[in-house]
Amino acid sequence: ESEAPWEWEQQKLEPNWIDKIPEEIAAVWVREKPIDTYQDILPQEFPNELQSGEDEEIREPVGLAPFTWKIENWMEKIKSAKEEKITRLVSPPFYSGLGEYKMKLRIYPNGDGIGKGNYVSAFFVICKGNYDDKVPWPFSRKVTIAIEPLKDSLNIHKETLKPYPRSACYQRPTTSENIASGTPKLIRLNYIENEQSIFVKDNAIQIRVE
């Protein structure tokens, strides 16, 4: 199983199209240029997820957005993903701001869906948080996922995602986490799979969410 892309053109959809498809494929990001939509299937489909030895559901949030996630031993994680041992990495949970939304990231070092084998894929998850009764729903903010250069360069690689408000992904969570959504083509794998890359230093990469 993999996280599958759905590439409908928005202007051709019937007004009630989202009510005619299963909920698990109703989680969509509307990317700004071009308009594409992608969805992430339910997390139990992936028992081999990397969680640093911890139960993902009980891990405490580590900070506020903008959130920086440093992924170490990057080359080994790419190798493991290519060998289908550990195909995805999960960030510690964090909040979008003080008293706001709880969220986390999923990264596929060897890609997922249409990005598998050629891209790094990134998906964003809204989790059940302590302040859900105090924030507006559905979630409606743009989210930017950036891979930051770790060497002298201004070339930040980033993707800005805009939520589709009727999607199940952006409603108030009724379980520990919502269905995730994002982009299977965050960055080409060959741009980031060796120490010569501006995005890799000391076998680590750094991802920023805001």
Protein backbone atom coordinates (compact mmCIF):
# COMPACT_ATOMS: atom_id res chain seq x y z
CA GLU A 1 0.00 0.00 0.00
CA SER A 2 1.17 3.53 -0.62
CA GLU A 3 -0.11 7.03 -0.30
CA ALA A 4 -1.87 7.64 -3.59
CA PRO A 5 -2.22 10.90 -5.50
CA TRP A 6 -5.55 12.17 -6.72
CA GLU A 7 -5.27 14.68 -9.52
CA TRP A 8 -8.74 16.00 -10.25
CA GLU A 9 -9.10 19.45 -11.79
CA GLN A 10 -11.11 21.48 -9.33
CA GLN A 11 -13.22 23.29 -11.91
CA LYS A 12 -14.55 20.00 -13.32
CA LEU A 13 -15.83 18.65 -9.99
CA GLU A 14 -19.49 18.60 -9.09
CA PRO A 15 -20.36 20.73 -6.02
CA ASN A 16 -20.97 17.62 -3.87
CA TRP A 17 -18.12 15.50 -5.24
CA ILE A 18 -16.46 14.99 -1.86
CA ASP A 19 -19.63 13.40 -0.45
CA LYS A 20 -19.51 10.70 -3.13
CA ILE A 21 -16.11 9.24 -2.29
CA PRO A 22 -14.93 7.28 0.77
CA GLU A 23 -13.72 9.39 3.67
CA GLU A 24 -10.22 7.90 3.57
CA ILE A 25 -9.61 9.42 0.13
CA ALA A 26 -11.22 12.74 0.97
CA ALA A 27 -8.10 14.15 2.60
CA VAL A 28 -6.67 16.54 0.09
CA TRP A 29 -4.17 19.37 -0.20
CA VAL A 30 -4.81 21.92 -2.89
CA ARG A 31 -1.36 22.94 -4.06
CA GLU A 32 -1.22 26.46 -5.37
CA LYS A 33 0.64 25.90 -8.67
CA PRO A 34 -0.64 23.76 -10.26
CA ILE A 35 -3.90 22.70 -8.58
CA ASP A 36 -3.28 19.08 -7.59
CA THR A 37 -4.64 17.11 -4.67
CA TYR A 38 -2.95 14.38 -2.69
CA GLN A 39 -4.09 12.19 0.16
CA ASP A 40 -2.54 10.04 2.83
CA ILE A 41 -4.22 6.79 3.84
CA LEU A 42 -4.82 5.66 7.37
CA PRO A 43 -1.72 5.28 9.60
CA GLN A 44 -2.42 1.64 10.56
CA GLU A 45 -1.56 0.71 6.99
CA PHE A 46 2.09 1.38 7.89
CA PRO A 47 3.23 -0.74 10.88
CA ASN A 48 6.92 -0.21 9.99
CA GLU A 49 6.93 3.50 10.79
CA LEU A 50 9.99 4.88 12.59
CA GLN A 51 9.07 6.24 16.01
CA SER A 52 12.45 6.40 17.80
CA GLY A 53 11.38 3.57 20.08
CA GLU A 54 8.36 5.45 21.42
CA ASP A 55 4.61 5.08 21.06
CA GLU A 56 3.70 7.85 18.64
CA GLU A 57 0.35 8.54 20.32
CA ILE A 58 1.81 9.34 23.75
CA ARG A 59 4.80 11.43 22.73
CA GLU A 60 4.66 14.93 24.14
CA PRO A 61 4.87 17.97 21.83
CA VAL A 62 8.38 19.38 21.70
CA GLY A 63 7.76 22.98 20.66
CA LEU A 64 5.87 25.51 18.60
CA ALA A 65 5.86 26.36 14.90
CA PRO A 66 7.99 27.41 13.16
CA PHE A 67 9.20 23.91 14.01
CA THR A 68 12.62 22.61 12.93
CA TRP A 69 13.18 18.88 12.63
CA LYS A 70 16.76 17.66 12.22
CA ILE A 71 16.92 14.15 10.79
CA GLU A 72 20.26 12.50 11.50
CA ASN A 73 21.79 9.37 9.91
CA TRP A 74 20.08 10.46 6.71
CA MET A 75 21.99 8.18 4.32
CA GLU A 76 21.15 5.14 6.43
CA LYS A 77 17.48 6.14 6.46
CA ILE A 78 17.43 6.42 2.66
CA LYS A 79 19.05 2.98 2.41
CA SER A 80 16.54 1.49 4.84
CA ALA A 81 13.62 3.02 2.90
CA LYS A 82 14.94 1.67 -0.41
CA GLU A 83 15.19 -1.77 1.17
CA GLU A 84 11.57 -1.44 2.39
CA LYS A 85 12.65 -1.86 6.03
CA ILE A 86 11.55 1.50 7.46
CA THR A 87 9.78 3.46 4.76
CA ARG A 88 8.68 6.53 6.67
CA LEU A 89 9.86 8.79 9.50
CA VAL A 90 7.59 10.61 11.94
CA SER A 91 8.49 13.88 13.62
CA PRO A 92 7.80 14.60 17.27
CA PRO A 93 4.44 16.36 17.62
CA PHE A 94 4.41 20.14 17.96
CA TYR A 95 1.90 22.98 18.19
CA SER A 96 1.28 25.59 15.50
CA GLY A 97 1.41 28.25 18.20
CA LEU A 98 0.71 28.78 21.85
CA GLY A 99 -2.70 27.29 22.60
CA GLU A 100 -3.28 26.24 18.98
CA TYR A 101 -3.23 23.15 16.74
CA LYS A 102 -1.23 20.01 17.48
CA MET A 103 0.47 18.47 14.45
CA LYS A 104 3.35 16.38 13.13
CA LEU A 105 5.13 15.47 9.90
CA ARG A 106 5.71 12.22 8.04
CA ILE A 107 8.69 11.99 5.70
CA TYR A 108 9.31 9.20 3.18
CA PRO A 109 13.06 9.24 2.36
CA ASN A 110 12.54 7.12 -0.77
CA GLY A 111 9.22 8.68 -1.66
CA ASP A 112 5.68 7.35 -1.65
CA GLY A 113 3.00 6.92 -4.29
CA ILE A 114 3.95 8.66 -7.53
CA GLY A 115 7.10 9.98 -5.86
CA LYS A 116 8.46 6.58 -4.83
CA GLY A 117 12.03 5.95 -5.91
CA ASN A 118 12.63 9.47 -7.24
CA TYR A 119 11.47 11.97 -4.61
CA VAL A 120 11.32 12.61 -0.90
CA SER A 121 7.64 12.75 0.09
CA ALA A 122 6.20 14.82 2.95
CA PHE A 123 2.82 14.58 4.64
CA PHE A 124 1.27 16.71 7.36
CA VAL A 125 -0.99 15.40 10.16
CA ILE A 126 -3.35 17.26 12.49
CA CYS A 127 -3.51 15.50 15.87
CA LYS A 128 -5.91 15.68 18.78
CA GLY A 129 -4.58 18.45 21.03
CA ASN A 130 -5.20 20.16 24.33
CA TYR A 131 -6.73 23.27 22.77
CA ASP A 132 -9.09 21.83 20.17
CA ASP A 133 -12.13 23.38 21.81
CA LYS A 134 -10.52 26.83 21.62
CA VAL A 135 -9.43 26.98 17.97
CA PRO A 136 -11.62 27.36 14.85
CA TRP A 137 -12.46 24.34 12.67
CA PRO A 138 -11.92 23.30 9.99
CA PHE A 139 -8.21 24.05 9.93
CA SER A 140 -7.72 26.66 7.21
CA ARG A 141 -4.12 27.89 7.37
CA LYS A 142 -1.48 27.52 4.71
CA VAL A 143 1.44 25.32 5.75
CA THR A 144 4.96 25.60 4.35
CA ILE A 145 7.32 22.63 4.50
CA ALA A 146 10.92 23.61 3.74
CA ILE A 147 14.19 21.71 3.44
CA GLU A 148 16.83 24.12 4.64
CA PRO A 149 20.37 24.27 3.24
CA LEU A 150 22.99 23.27 5.82
CA LYS A 151 25.84 24.76 3.83
CA ASP A 152 26.46 28.28 2.53
CA SER A 153 23.47 28.76 0.26
CA LEU A 154 20.25 30.75 0.09
CA ASN A 155 18.55 28.01 -1.91
CA ILE A 156 15.77 26.93 0.48
CA HIS A 157 13.56 24.28 -1.11
CA LYS A 158 9.96 24.64 0.06
CA GLU A 159 6.38 23.70 -0.69
CA THR A 160 3.38 25.76 0.42
CA LEU A 161 0.18 23.80 0.95
CA LYS A 162 -3.35 25.17 1.22
CA PRO A 163 -6.01 23.01 2.90
CA TYR A 164 -9.34 22.17 1.33
CA PRO A 165 -11.81 22.97 4.16
CA ARG A 166 -14.34 20.20 3.40
CA SER A 167 -11.70 17.48 3.60
CA ALA A 168 -11.75 15.10 6.57
CA CYS A 169 -8.11 15.95 7.12
CA TYR A 170 -8.84 19.44 8.44
CA GLN A 171 -11.79 18.80 10.73
CA ARG A 172 -11.50 18.61 14.50
CA PRO A 173 -9.89 15.22 15.29
CA THR A 174 -12.16 12.61 16.82
CA THR A 175 -9.34 10.06 17.16
CA SER A 176 -5.67 10.53 18.08
CA GLU A 177 -4.93 11.95 14.62
CA ASN A 178 -6.59 12.85 11.35
CA ILE A 179 -5.88 11.40 7.94
CA ALA A 180 -2.69 13.02 6.66
CA SER A 181 -2.13 14.87 3.41
CA GLY A 182 0.75 16.50 1.60
CA THR A 183 3.00 16.14 -1.41
CA PRO A 184 4.63 12.98 -2.77
CA LYS A 185 7.15 15.17 -4.63
CA LEU A 186 8.69 17.46 -2.03
CA ILE A 187 12.21 17.31 -3.55
CA ARG A 188 14.00 15.04 -6.00
CA LEU A 189 15.90 12.33 -4.16
CA ASN A 190 19.10 12.84 -6.14
CA TYR A 191 19.27 16.43 -4.83
CA ILE A 192 19.53 15.26 -1.25
CA GLU A 193 21.07 11.79 -1.08
CA ASN A 194 24.78 12.54 -0.69
CA GLU A 195 27.13 14.74 1.32
CA GLN A 196 27.79 16.96 -1.71
CA SER A 197 24.24 18.29 -1.47
CA ILE A 198 23.76 21.74 0.06
CA PHE A 199 20.93 20.20 2.09
CA VAL A 200 23.08 17.53 3.75
CA LYS A 201 25.77 18.09 6.38
CA ASP A 202 27.30 15.52 8.71
CA ASN A 203 24.81 12.97 7.40
CA ALA A 204 21.80 15.05 8.47
CA ILE A 205 19.07 17.15 6.89
CA GLN A 206 16.87 19.83 8.43
CA ILE A 207 13.18 20.37 7.74
CA ARG A 208 11.24 23.43 8.83
CA VAL A 209 7.45 23.74 9.13
CA GLU A 210 5.58 26.99 9.47
